[in-house]
PDB file of all heavy atoms in Angstrom:
ATOM      1  N   ARG A   1      11.859 -41.526 -15.537  1.00  0.00           N
ATOM      2  CA  ARG A   1      11.261 -42.711 -14.735  1.00  0.00           C
ATOM      3  C   ARG A   1      11.727 -42.757 -13.349  1.00  0.00           C
ATOM      4  O   ARG A   1      11.266 -43.519 -12.514  1.00  0.00           O
ATOM      5  CB  ARG A   1      11.536 -44.101 -15.405  1.00  0.00           C
ATOM      6  CG  ARG A   1      10.942 -44.166 -16.828  1.00  0.00           C
ATOM      7  CD  ARG A   1      11.098 -45.589 -17.367  1.00  0.00           C
ATOM      8  NE  ARG A   1      10.467 -46.563 -16.562  1.00  0.00           N
ATOM      9  CZ  ARG A   1      10.513 -47.925 -16.810  1.00  0.00           C
ATOM     10  NH1 ARG A   1      11.107 -48.354 -17.880  1.00  0.00           N
ATOM     11  NH2 ARG A   1       9.803 -48.798 -16.116  1.00  0.00           N
ATOM     12  N   PHE A   2      12.692 -41.907 -12.959  1.00  0.00           N
ATOM     13  CA  PHE A   2      13.224 -41.841 -11.586  1.00  0.00           C
ATOM     14  C   PHE A   2      12.814 -40.510 -10.883  1.00  0.00           C
ATOM     15  O   PHE A   2      12.556 -39.479 -11.451  1.00  0.00           O
ATOM     16  CB  PHE A   2      14.738 -41.809 -11.737  1.00  0.00           C
ATOM     17  CG  PHE A   2      15.327 -43.032 -12.295  1.00  0.00           C
ATOM     18  CD1 PHE A   2      15.805 -43.102 -13.659  1.00  0.00           C
ATOM     19  CD2 PHE A   2      15.296 -44.355 -11.628  1.00  0.00           C
ATOM     20  CE1 PHE A   2      16.199 -44.219 -14.216  1.00  0.00           C
ATOM     21  CE2 PHE A   2      15.854 -45.462 -12.358  1.00  0.00           C
ATOM     22  CZ  PHE A   2      16.275 -45.383 -13.603  1.00  0.00           C
ATOM     23  N   ARG A   3      12.869 -40.493  -9.584  1.00  0.00           N
ATOM     24  CA  ARG A   3      12.560 -39.466  -8.716  1.00  0.00           C
ATOM     25  C   ARG A   3      13.668 -38.333  -8.870  1.00  0.00           C
ATOM     26  O   ARG A   3      14.808 -38.696  -8.914  1.00  0.00           O
ATOM     27  CB  ARG A   3      12.301 -39.938  -7.293  1.00  0.00           C
ATOM     28  CG  ARG A   3      11.240 -40.733  -7.003  1.00  0.00           C
ATOM     29  CD  ARG A   3      11.181 -41.171  -5.540  1.00  0.00           C
ATOM     30  NE  ARG A   3      10.248 -42.256  -5.378  1.00  0.00           N
ATOM     31  CZ  ARG A   3       9.091 -42.124  -4.583  1.00  0.00           C
ATOM     32  NH1 ARG A   3       8.856 -40.954  -4.035  1.00  0.00           N
ATOM     33  NH2 ARG A   3       8.282 -43.059  -4.522  1.00  0.00           N
ATOM     34  N   SER A   4      13.246 -37.187  -9.027  1.00  0.00           N
ATOM     35  CA  SER A   4      14.140 -36.031  -9.210  1.00  0.00           C
ATOM     36  C   SER A   4      14.883 -35.690  -7.992  1.00  0.00           C
ATOM     37  O   SER A   4      14.535 -35.976  -6.880  1.00  0.00           O
ATOM     38  CB  SER A   4      13.354 -34.734  -9.642  1.00  0.00           C
ATOM     39  OG  SER A   4      12.676 -35.024 -10.883  1.00  0.00           O
ATOM     40  N   PRO A   5      16.155 -35.091  -8.172  1.00  0.00           N
ATOM     41  CA  PRO A   5      16.889 -34.619  -6.911  1.00  0.00           C
ATOM     42  C   PRO A   5      15.907 -33.670  -6.228  1.00  0.00           C
ATOM     43  O   PRO A   5      15.245 -32.849  -6.627  1.00  0.00           O
ATOM     44  CB  PRO A   5      18.066 -33.728  -7.672  1.00  0.00           C
ATOM     45  CG  PRO A   5      18.171 -34.379  -9.028  1.00  0.00           C
ATOM     46  CD  PRO A   5      16.821 -34.761  -9.451  1.00  0.00           C
ATOM     47  N   GLY A   6      16.049 -33.753  -4.818  1.00  0.00           N
ATOM     48  CA  GLY A   6      15.276 -32.959  -3.944  1.00  0.00           C
ATOM     49  C   GLY A   6      14.002 -33.730  -3.444  1.00  0.00           C
ATOM     50  O   GLY A   6      13.453 -33.450  -2.424  1.00  0.00           O
ATOM     51  N   GLU A   7      13.520 -34.684  -4.265  1.00  0.00           N
ATOM     52  CA  GLU A   7      12.456 -35.524  -3.916  1.00  0.00           C
ATOM     53  C   GLU A   7      12.910 -36.566  -2.844  1.00  0.00           C
ATOM     54  O   GLU A   7      14.054 -36.891  -2.745  1.00  0.00           O
ATOM     55  CB  GLU A   7      11.865 -36.235  -5.039  1.00  0.00           C
ATOM     56  CG  GLU A   7      11.022 -35.291  -5.959  1.00  0.00           C
ATOM     57  CD  GLU A   7      10.335 -36.281  -7.013  1.00  0.00           C
ATOM     58  OE1 GLU A   7       9.318 -36.804  -6.656  1.00  0.00           O
ATOM     59  OE2 GLU A   7      10.796 -36.339  -8.180  1.00  0.00           O
ATOM     60  N   ARG A   8      11.922 -37.050  -2.028  1.00  0.00           N
ATOM     61  CA  ARG A   8      12.295 -38.140  -1.238  1.00  0.00           C
ATOM     62  C   ARG A   8      12.614 -39.375  -1.959  1.00  0.00           C
ATOM     63  O   ARG A   8      11.902 -39.625  -2.958  1.00  0.00           O
ATOM     64  CB  ARG A   8      11.018 -38.292  -0.251  1.00  0.00           C
ATOM     65  CG  ARG A   8      11.427 -39.334   0.855  1.00  0.00           C
ATOM     66  CD  ARG A   8      10.157 -39.556   1.721  1.00  0.00           C
ATOM     67  NE  ARG A   8      10.416 -40.478   2.944  1.00  0.00           N
ATOM     68  CZ  ARG A   8       9.596 -40.815   3.811  1.00  0.00           C
ATOM     69  NH1 ARG A   8       8.317 -40.580   3.628  1.00  0.00           N
ATOM     70  NH2 ARG A   8       9.975 -41.554   4.792  1.00  0.00           N
ATOM     71  N   TYR A   9      13.640 -39.995  -1.591  1.00  0.00           N
ATOM     72  CA  TYR A   9      14.178 -41.180  -2.285  1.00  0.00           C
ATOM     73  C   TYR A   9      14.536 -40.779  -3.705  1.00  0.00           C
ATOM     74  O   TYR A   9      14.290 -41.545  -4.638  1.00  0.00           O
ATOM     75  CB  TYR A   9      13.127 -42.321  -2.396  1.00  0.00           C
ATOM     76  CG  TYR A   9      12.624 -42.676  -0.937  1.00  0.00           C
ATOM     77  CD1 TYR A   9      11.324 -42.707  -0.693  1.00  0.00           C
ATOM     78  CD2 TYR A   9      13.540 -43.111   0.072  1.00  0.00           C
ATOM     79  CE1 TYR A   9      10.706 -43.099   0.632  1.00  0.00           C
ATOM     80  CE2 TYR A   9      12.986 -43.490   1.342  1.00  0.00           C
ATOM     81  CZ  TYR A   9      11.621 -43.507   1.593  1.00  0.00           C
ATOM     82  OH  TYR A   9      11.152 -43.826   2.818  1.00  0.00           O
ATOM     83  N   ALA A  10      15.258 -39.626  -3.803  1.00  0.00           N
ATOM     84  CA  ALA A  10      15.782 -39.230  -5.102  1.00  0.00           C
ATOM     85  C   ALA A  10      16.609 -40.384  -5.803  1.00  0.00           C
ATOM     86  O   ALA A  10      17.468 -41.083  -5.172  1.00  0.00           O
ATOM     87  CB  ALA A  10      16.661 -37.997  -4.968  1.00  0.00           C
ATOM     88  N   GLY A  11      16.372 -40.542  -7.088  1.00  0.00           N
ATOM     89  CA  GLY A  11      17.078 -41.520  -7.852  1.00  0.00           C
ATOM     90  C   GLY A  11      16.338 -42.888  -7.865  1.00  0.00           C
ATOM     91  O   GLY A  11      16.695 -43.771  -8.660  1.00  0.00           O
ATOM     92  N   HIS A  12      15.390 -43.086  -7.032  1.00  0.00           N
ATOM     93  CA  HIS A  12      14.576 -44.334  -7.048  1.00  0.00           C
ATOM     94  C   HIS A  12      13.448 -44.127  -8.110  1.00  0.00           C
ATOM     95  O   HIS A  12      13.242 -43.160  -8.665  1.00  0.00           O
ATOM     96  CB  HIS A  12      13.900 -44.583  -5.621  1.00  0.00           C
ATOM     97  CG  HIS A  12      15.015 -45.046  -4.607  1.00  0.00           C
ATOM     98  ND1 HIS A  12      14.881 -46.218  -3.999  1.00  0.00           N
ATOM     99  CD2 HIS A  12      16.025 -44.391  -4.165  1.00  0.00           C
ATOM    100  CE1 HIS A  12      15.942 -46.364  -3.195  1.00  0.00           C
ATOM    101  NE2 HIS A  12      16.625 -45.189  -3.230  1.00  0.00           N
ATOM    102  N   TRP A  13      12.789 -45.303  -8.277  1.00  0.00           N
ATOM    103  CA  TRP A  13      11.669 -45.219  -9.351  1.00  0.00           C
ATOM    104  C   TRP A  13      10.604 -44.295  -8.974  1.00  0.00           C
ATOM    105  O   TRP A  13      10.268 -44.194  -7.873  1.00  0.00           O
ATOM    106  CB  TRP A  13      11.193 -46.605  -9.566  1.00  0.00           C
ATOM    107  CG  TRP A  13      12.104 -47.707 -10.084  1.00  0.00           C
ATOM    108  CD1 TRP A  13      12.623 -48.798  -9.413  1.00  0.00           C
ATOM    109  CD2 TRP A  13      12.542 -47.803 -11.436  1.00  0.00           C
ATOM    110  NE1 TRP A  13      13.425 -49.462 -10.223  1.00  0.00           N
ATOM    111  CE2 TRP A  13      13.381 -48.984 -11.523  1.00  0.00           C
ATOM    112  CE3 TRP A  13      12.226 -47.053 -12.548  1.00  0.00           C
ATOM    113  CZ2 TRP A  13      13.965 -49.269 -12.674  1.00  0.00           C
ATOM    114  CZ3 TRP A  13      12.829 -47.523 -13.750  1.00  0.00           C
ATOM    115  CH2 TRP A  13      13.705 -48.543 -13.811  1.00  0.00           C
ATOM    116  N   ALA A  14      10.084 -43.471  -9.925  1.00  0.00           N
ATOM    117  CA  ALA A  14       9.014 -42.677  -9.677  1.00  0.00           C
ATOM    118  C   ALA A  14       7.779 -43.547  -9.602  1.00  0.00           C
ATOM    119  O   ALA A  14       7.745 -44.552 -10.141  1.00  0.00           O
ATOM    120  CB  ALA A  14       8.940 -41.597 -10.797  1.00  0.00           C
ATOM    121  N   VAL A  15       6.767 -42.873  -8.933  1.00  0.00           N
ATOM    122  CA  VAL A  15       5.483 -43.665  -8.699  1.00  0.00           C
ATOM    123  C   VAL A  15       4.830 -43.971 -10.121  1.00  0.00           C
ATOM    124  O   VAL A  15       4.691 -43.086 -11.037  1.00  0.00           O
ATOM    125  CB  VAL A  15       4.506 -42.847  -7.931  1.00  0.00           C
ATOM    126  CG1 VAL A  15       3.141 -43.594  -7.880  1.00  0.00           C
ATOM    127  CG2 VAL A  15       5.036 -42.619  -6.505  1.00  0.00           C
ATOM    128  N   GLY A  16       4.605 -45.281 -10.408  1.00  0.00           N
ATOM    129  CA  GLY A  16       3.969 -45.660 -11.626  1.00  0.00           C
ATOM    130  C   GLY A  16       5.041 -45.986 -12.800  1.00  0.00           C
ATOM    131  O   GLY A  16       4.587 -46.427 -13.790  1.00  0.00           O
ATOM    132  N   GLN A  17       6.284 -45.743 -12.386  1.00  0.00           N
ATOM    133  CA  GLN A  17       7.341 -46.070 -13.395  1.00  0.00           C
ATOM    134  C   GLN A  17       8.219 -47.207 -13.061  1.00  0.00           C
ATOM    135  O   GLN A  17       9.211 -47.443 -13.794  1.00  0.00           O
ATOM    136  CB  GLN A  17       8.260 -44.769 -13.430  1.00  0.00           C
ATOM    137  CG  GLN A  17       7.509 -43.524 -13.940  1.00  0.00           C
ATOM    138  CD  GLN A  17       7.006 -43.657 -15.384  1.00  0.00           C
ATOM    139  OE1 GLN A  17       7.606 -44.356 -16.268  1.00  0.00           O
ATOM    140  NE2 GLN A  17       5.916 -43.118 -15.734  1.00  0.00           N
ATOM    141  N   GLU A  18       7.868 -47.935 -12.095  1.00  0.00           N
ATOM    142  CA  GLU A  18       8.641 -49.084 -11.702  1.00  0.00           C
ATOM    143  C   GLU A  18       8.550 -50.151 -12.823  1.00  0.00           C
ATOM    144  O   GLU A  18       7.578 -50.278 -13.502  1.00  0.00           O
ATOM    145  CB  GLU A  18       8.112 -49.797 -10.315  1.00  0.00           C
ATOM    146  CG  GLU A  18       8.068 -48.641  -9.160  1.00  0.00           C
ATOM    147  CD  GLU A  18       6.653 -48.021  -9.184  1.00  0.00           C
ATOM    148  OE1 GLU A  18       5.969 -47.994 -10.101  1.00  0.00           O
ATOM    149  OE2 GLU A  18       6.419 -47.409  -8.090  1.00  0.00           O
ATOM    150  N   PRO A  19       9.583 -50.979 -12.990  1.00  0.00           N
ATOM    151  CA  PRO A  19       9.594 -52.126 -13.893  1.00  0.00           C
ATOM    152  C   PRO A  19       8.451 -53.018 -13.483  1.00  0.00           C
ATOM    153  O   PRO A  19       8.177 -53.341 -12.292  1.00  0.00           O
ATOM    154  CB  PRO A  19      10.858 -52.839 -13.636  1.00  0.00           C
ATOM    155  CG  PRO A  19      11.787 -51.767 -12.952  1.00  0.00           C
ATOM    156  CD  PRO A  19      10.943 -50.941 -12.191  1.00  0.00           C
ATOM    157  N   ARG A  20       7.547 -53.309 -14.490  1.00  0.00           N
ATOM    158  CA  ARG A  20       6.372 -54.204 -14.156  1.00  0.00           C
ATOM    159  C   ARG A  20       6.672 -55.558 -14.729  1.00  0.00           C
ATOM    160  O   ARG A  20       7.199 -55.834 -15.775  1.00  0.00           O
ATOM    161  CB  ARG A  20       5.211 -53.552 -14.925  1.00  0.00           C
ATOM    162  CG  ARG A  20       4.790 -52.265 -14.443  1.00  0.00           C
ATOM    163  CD  ARG A  20       3.721 -51.627 -15.312  1.00  0.00           C
ATOM    164  NE  ARG A  20       4.105 -51.441 -16.644  1.00  0.00           N
ATOM    165  CZ  ARG A  20       3.335 -51.128 -17.727  1.00  0.00           C
ATOM    166  NH1 ARG A  20       2.017 -51.091 -17.528  1.00  0.00           N
ATOM    167  NH2 ARG A  20       3.796 -50.911 -18.888  1.00  0.00           N
ATOM    168  N   PRO A  21       6.113 -56.527 -13.856  1.00  0.00           N
ATOM    169  CA  PRO A  21       6.261 -57.949 -14.336  1.00  0.00           C
ATOM    170  C   PRO A  21       5.200 -57.995 -15.485  1.00  0.00           C
ATOM    171  O   PRO A  21       4.186 -57.441 -15.520  1.00  0.00           O
ATOM    172  CB  PRO A  21       5.642 -58.708 -13.090  1.00  0.00           C
ATOM    173  CG  PRO A  21       4.830 -57.785 -12.287  1.00  0.00           C
ATOM    174  CD  PRO A  21       5.509 -56.438 -12.552  1.00  0.00           C
ATOM    175  N   TRP A  22       5.611 -58.695 -16.572  1.00  0.00           N
ATOM    176  CA  TRP A  22       4.791 -58.817 -17.712  1.00  0.00           C
ATOM    177  C   TRP A  22       4.676 -60.326 -18.119  1.00  0.00           C
ATOM    178  O   TRP A  22       5.530 -61.106 -17.856  1.00  0.00           O
ATOM    179  CB  TRP A  22       5.172 -58.016 -18.966  1.00  0.00           C
ATOM    180  CG  TRP A  22       6.715 -58.092 -19.170  1.00  0.00           C
ATOM    181  CD1 TRP A  22       7.667 -57.348 -18.758  1.00  0.00           C
ATOM    182  CD2 TRP A  22       7.236 -59.061 -20.164  1.00  0.00           C
ATOM    183  NE1 TRP A  22       8.986 -57.603 -19.281  1.00  0.00           N
ATOM    184  CE2 TRP A  22       8.726 -58.684 -20.109  1.00  0.00           C
ATOM    185  CE3 TRP A  22       6.810 -60.080 -20.905  1.00  0.00           C
ATOM    186  CZ2 TRP A  22       9.564 -59.412 -20.836  1.00  0.00           C
ATOM    187  CZ3 TRP A  22       7.793 -60.857 -21.566  1.00  0.00           C
ATOM    188  CH2 TRP A  22       9.132 -60.427 -21.612  1.00  0.00           C
ATOM    189  N   HIS A  23       3.504 -60.643 -18.602  1.00  0.00           N
ATOM    190  CA  HIS A  23       3.165 -62.073 -18.929  1.00  0.00           C
ATOM    191  C   HIS A  23       2.635 -62.083 -20.325  1.00  0.00           C
ATOM    192  O   HIS A  23       1.639 -61.510 -20.690  1.00  0.00           O
ATOM    193  CB  HIS A  23       2.122 -62.549 -17.950  1.00  0.00           C
ATOM    194  CG  HIS A  23       2.506 -62.470 -16.480  1.00  0.00           C
ATOM    195  ND1 HIS A  23       3.399 -63.267 -15.916  1.00  0.00           N
ATOM    196  CD2 HIS A  23       2.085 -61.491 -15.697  1.00  0.00           C
ATOM    197  CE1 HIS A  23       3.527 -62.792 -14.554  1.00  0.00           C
ATOM    198  NE2 HIS A  23       2.808 -61.851 -14.446  1.00  0.00           N
ATOM    199  N   LEU A  24       3.347 -62.759 -21.196  1.00  0.00           N
ATOM    200  CA  LEU A  24       2.907 -62.833 -22.666  1.00  0.00           C
ATOM    201  C   LEU A  24       1.953 -64.000 -22.829  1.00  0.00           C
ATOM    202  O   LEU A  24       2.155 -65.133 -22.211  1.00  0.00           O
ATOM    203  CB  LEU A  24       4.137 -63.004 -23.492  1.00  0.00           C
ATOM    204  CG  LEU A  24       5.076 -61.857 -23.509  1.00  0.00           C
ATOM    205  CD1 LEU A  24       6.341 -62.160 -24.177  1.00  0.00           C
ATOM    206  CD2 LEU A  24       4.464 -60.612 -24.190  1.00  0.00           C
ATOM    207  N   PRO A  25       0.990 -63.826 -23.574  1.00  0.00           N
ATOM    208  CA  PRO A  25       0.042 -64.951 -23.821  1.00  0.00           C
ATOM    209  C   PRO A  25       0.793 -66.151 -24.441  1.00  0.00           C
ATOM    210  O   PRO A  25       1.716 -65.976 -25.119  1.00  0.00           O
ATOM    211  CB  PRO A  25      -0.919 -64.415 -24.874  1.00  0.00           C
ATOM    212  CG  PRO A  25      -0.859 -62.883 -24.601  1.00  0.00           C
ATOM    213  CD  PRO A  25       0.512 -62.596 -24.203  1.00  0.00           C
ATOM    214  N   GLU A  26       0.314 -67.289 -23.983  1.00  0.00           N
ATOM    215  CA  GLU A  26       1.074 -68.517 -24.443  1.00  0.00           C
ATOM    216  C   GLU A  26       1.177 -68.687 -25.965  1.00  0.00           C
ATOM    217  O   GLU A  26       2.144 -69.137 -26.423  1.00  0.00           O
ATOM    218  CB  GLU A  26       0.321 -69.781 -23.799  1.00  0.00           C
ATOM    219  CG  GLU A  26       0.981 -71.012 -24.180  1.00  0.00           C
ATOM    220  CD  GLU A  26       0.176 -72.248 -23.572  1.00  0.00           C
ATOM    221  OE1 GLU A  26      -0.818 -72.026 -22.913  1.00  0.00           O
ATOM    222  OE2 GLU A  26       0.659 -73.420 -23.683  1.00  0.00           O
ATOM    223  N   ASP A  27       0.203 -68.239 -26.693  1.00  0.00           N
ATOM    224  CA  ASP A  27       0.208 -68.370 -28.029  1.00  0.00           C
ATOM    225  C   ASP A  27       1.319 -67.651 -28.744  1.00  0.00           C
ATOM    226  O   ASP A  27       1.961 -67.975 -29.761  1.00  0.00           O
ATOM    227  CB  ASP A  27      -1.097 -68.040 -28.833  1.00  0.00           C
ATOM    228  CG  ASP A  27      -1.466 -66.606 -28.654  1.00  0.00           C
ATOM    229  OD1 ASP A  27      -1.354 -66.044 -27.494  1.00  0.00           O
ATOM    230  OD2 ASP A  27      -2.024 -66.033 -29.590  1.00  0.00           O
ATOM    231  N   HIS A  28       1.732 -66.448 -28.105  1.00  0.00           N
ATOM    232  CA  HIS A  28       2.861 -65.652 -28.649  1.00  0.00           C
ATOM    233  C   HIS A  28       4.190 -66.421 -28.456  1.00  0.00           C
ATOM    234  O   HIS A  28       5.041 -66.565 -29.359  1.00  0.00           O
ATOM    235  CB  HIS A  28       2.959 -64.381 -27.893  1.00  0.00           C
ATOM    236  CG  HIS A  28       1.893 -63.309 -28.282  1.00  0.00           C
ATOM    237  ND1 HIS A  28       2.130 -62.225 -29.092  1.00  0.00           N
ATOM    238  CD2 HIS A  28       0.614 -63.253 -27.897  1.00  0.00           C
ATOM    239  CE1 HIS A  28       1.099 -61.623 -29.337  1.00  0.00           C
ATOM    240  NE2 HIS A  28       0.146 -62.155 -28.589  1.00  0.00           N
ATOM    241  N   VAL A  29       4.351 -67.175 -27.362  1.00  0.00           N
ATOM    242  CA  VAL A  29       5.476 -67.943 -27.034  1.00  0.00           C
ATOM    243  C   VAL A  29       5.617 -69.082 -28.027  1.00  0.00           C
ATOM    244  O   VAL A  29       6.583 -69.421 -28.568  1.00  0.00           O
ATOM    245  CB  VAL A  29       5.467 -68.402 -25.592  1.00  0.00           C
ATOM    246  CG1 VAL A  29       6.807 -69.265 -25.358  1.00  0.00           C
ATOM    247  CG2 VAL A  29       5.608 -67.265 -24.643  1.00  0.00           C
ATOM    248  N   LEU A  30       4.401 -69.851 -28.173  1.00  0.00           N
ATOM    249  CA  LEU A  30       4.361 -70.988 -28.985  1.00  0.00           C
ATOM    250  C   LEU A  30       4.658 -70.603 -30.459  1.00  0.00           C
ATOM    251  O   LEU A  30       5.136 -71.412 -31.263  1.00  0.00           O
ATOM    252  CB  LEU A  30       2.970 -71.614 -28.891  1.00  0.00           C
ATOM    253  CG  LEU A  30       2.677 -72.275 -27.534  1.00  0.00           C
ATOM    254  CD1 LEU A  30       1.246 -72.742 -27.573  1.00  0.00           C
ATOM    255  CD2 LEU A  30       3.624 -73.324 -27.246  1.00  0.00           C
ATOM    256  N   ARG A  31       4.301 -69.412 -30.960  1.00  0.00           N
ATOM    257  CA  ARG A  31       4.482 -69.023 -32.299  1.00  0.00           C
ATOM    258  C   ARG A  31       6.010 -68.672 -32.500  1.00  0.00           C
ATOM    259  O   ARG A  31       6.461 -68.336 -33.514  1.00  0.00           O
ATOM    260  CB  ARG A  31       3.599 -67.851 -32.723  1.00  0.00           C
ATOM    261  CG  ARG A  31       2.233 -68.275 -32.953  1.00  0.00           C
ATOM    262  CD  ARG A  31       1.515 -67.231 -33.768  1.00  0.00           C
ATOM    263  NE  ARG A  31       1.615 -65.852 -33.408  1.00  0.00           N
ATOM    264  CZ  ARG A  31       0.727 -65.164 -32.589  1.00  0.00           C
ATOM    265  NH1 ARG A  31      -0.342 -65.818 -32.206  1.00  0.00           N
ATOM    266  NH2 ARG A  31       0.905 -63.911 -32.372  1.00  0.00           N
ATOM    267  N   GLY A  32       6.804 -68.584 -31.382  1.00  0.00           N
ATOM    268  CA  GLY A  32       8.120 -68.281 -31.589  1.00  0.00           C
ATOM    269  C   GLY A  32       8.450 -66.771 -31.661  1.00  0.00           C
ATOM    270  O   GLY A  32       9.576 -66.439 -31.864  1.00  0.00           O
ATOM    271  N   GLU A  33       7.427 -65.941 -31.414  1.00  0.00           N
ATOM    272  CA  GLU A  33       7.644 -64.466 -31.578  1.00  0.00           C
ATOM    273  C   GLU A  33       8.673 -64.000 -30.497  1.00  0.00           C
ATOM    274  O   GLU A  33       9.577 -63.147 -30.781  1.00  0.00           O
ATOM    275  CB  GLU A  33       6.406 -63.744 -31.457  1.00  0.00           C
ATOM    276  CG  GLU A  33       5.356 -63.958 -32.574  1.00  0.00           C
ATOM    277  CD  GLU A  33       4.115 -63.250 -32.416  1.00  0.00           C
ATOM    278  OE1 GLU A  33       4.052 -62.298 -31.498  1.00  0.00           O
ATOM    279  OE2 GLU A  33       3.132 -63.491 -33.168  1.00  0.00           O
ATOM    280  N   VAL A  34       8.544 -64.400 -29.307  1.00  0.00           N
ATOM    281  CA  VAL A  34       9.493 -63.868 -28.184  1.00  0.00           C
ATOM    282  C   VAL A  34      10.900 -64.396 -28.546  1.00  0.00           C
ATOM    283  O   VAL A  34      11.824 -63.662 -28.341  1.00  0.00           O
ATOM    284  CB  VAL A  34       8.966 -64.273 -26.917  1.00  0.00           C
ATOM    285  CG1 VAL A  34       9.990 -63.930 -25.823  1.00  0.00           C
ATOM    286  CG2 VAL A  34       7.570 -63.736 -26.578  1.00  0.00           C
ATOM    287  N   ARG A  35      11.022 -65.629 -29.006  1.00  0.00           N
ATOM    288  CA  ARG A  35      12.319 -66.123 -29.215  1.00  0.00           C
ATOM    289  C   ARG A  35      13.005 -65.394 -30.269  1.00  0.00           C
ATOM    290  O   ARG A  35      14.188 -64.981 -30.300  1.00  0.00           O
ATOM    291  CB  ARG A  35      12.269 -67.609 -29.628  1.00  0.00           C
ATOM    292  CG  ARG A  35      11.819 -68.527 -28.323  1.00  0.00           C
ATOM    293  CD  ARG A  35      12.041 -69.952 -28.689  1.00  0.00           C
ATOM    294  NE  ARG A  35      11.840 -70.838 -27.527  1.00  0.00           N
ATOM    295  CZ  ARG A  35      11.869 -72.062 -27.582  1.00  0.00           C
ATOM    296  NH1 ARG A  35      12.207 -72.775 -28.735  1.00  0.00           N
ATOM    297  NH2 ARG A  35      11.636 -72.807 -26.509  1.00  0.00           N
ATOM    298  N   GLU A  36      12.222 -65.077 -31.320  1.00  0.00           N
ATOM    299  CA  GLU A  36      12.804 -64.318 -32.353  1.00  0.00           C
ATOM    300  C   GLU A  36      13.137 -62.907 -32.011  1.00  0.00           C
ATOM    301  O   GLU A  36      14.193 -62.371 -32.348  1.00  0.00           O
ATOM    302  CB  GLU A  36      11.727 -64.198 -33.561  1.00  0.00           C
ATOM    303  CG  GLU A  36      11.487 -65.521 -34.293  1.00  0.00           C
ATOM    304  CD  GLU A  36      10.369 -65.469 -35.359  1.00  0.00           C
ATOM    305  OE1 GLU A  36       9.930 -64.306 -35.718  1.00  0.00           O
ATOM    306  OE2 GLU A  36       9.954 -66.460 -35.925  1.00  0.00           O
ATOM    307  N   LEU A  37      12.326 -62.282 -31.185  1.00  0.00           N
ATOM    308  CA  LEU A  37      12.663 -60.957 -30.716  1.00  0.00           C
ATOM    309  C   LEU A  37      13.901 -60.956 -29.846  1.00  0.00           C
ATOM    310  O   LEU A  37      14.743 -60.020 -30.058  1.00  0.00           O
ATOM    311  CB  LEU A  37      11.470 -60.397 -29.845  1.00  0.00           C
ATOM    312  CG  LEU A  37      11.725 -59.153 -29.188  1.00  0.00           C
ATOM    313  CD1 LEU A  37      11.682 -57.955 -30.227  1.00  0.00           C
ATOM    314  CD2 LEU A  37      10.584 -58.762 -28.158  1.00  0.00           C
TER     315      LEU A  37
END
């Protein structure tokens, strides 16, 4: 998921591999699935 040595900004996130913000549907939270996980 990181840029290889020799690439510009080596060691940084590769394109498309950055951590993405994610949003879980409300019903998943209400069912307690995320808390259990």
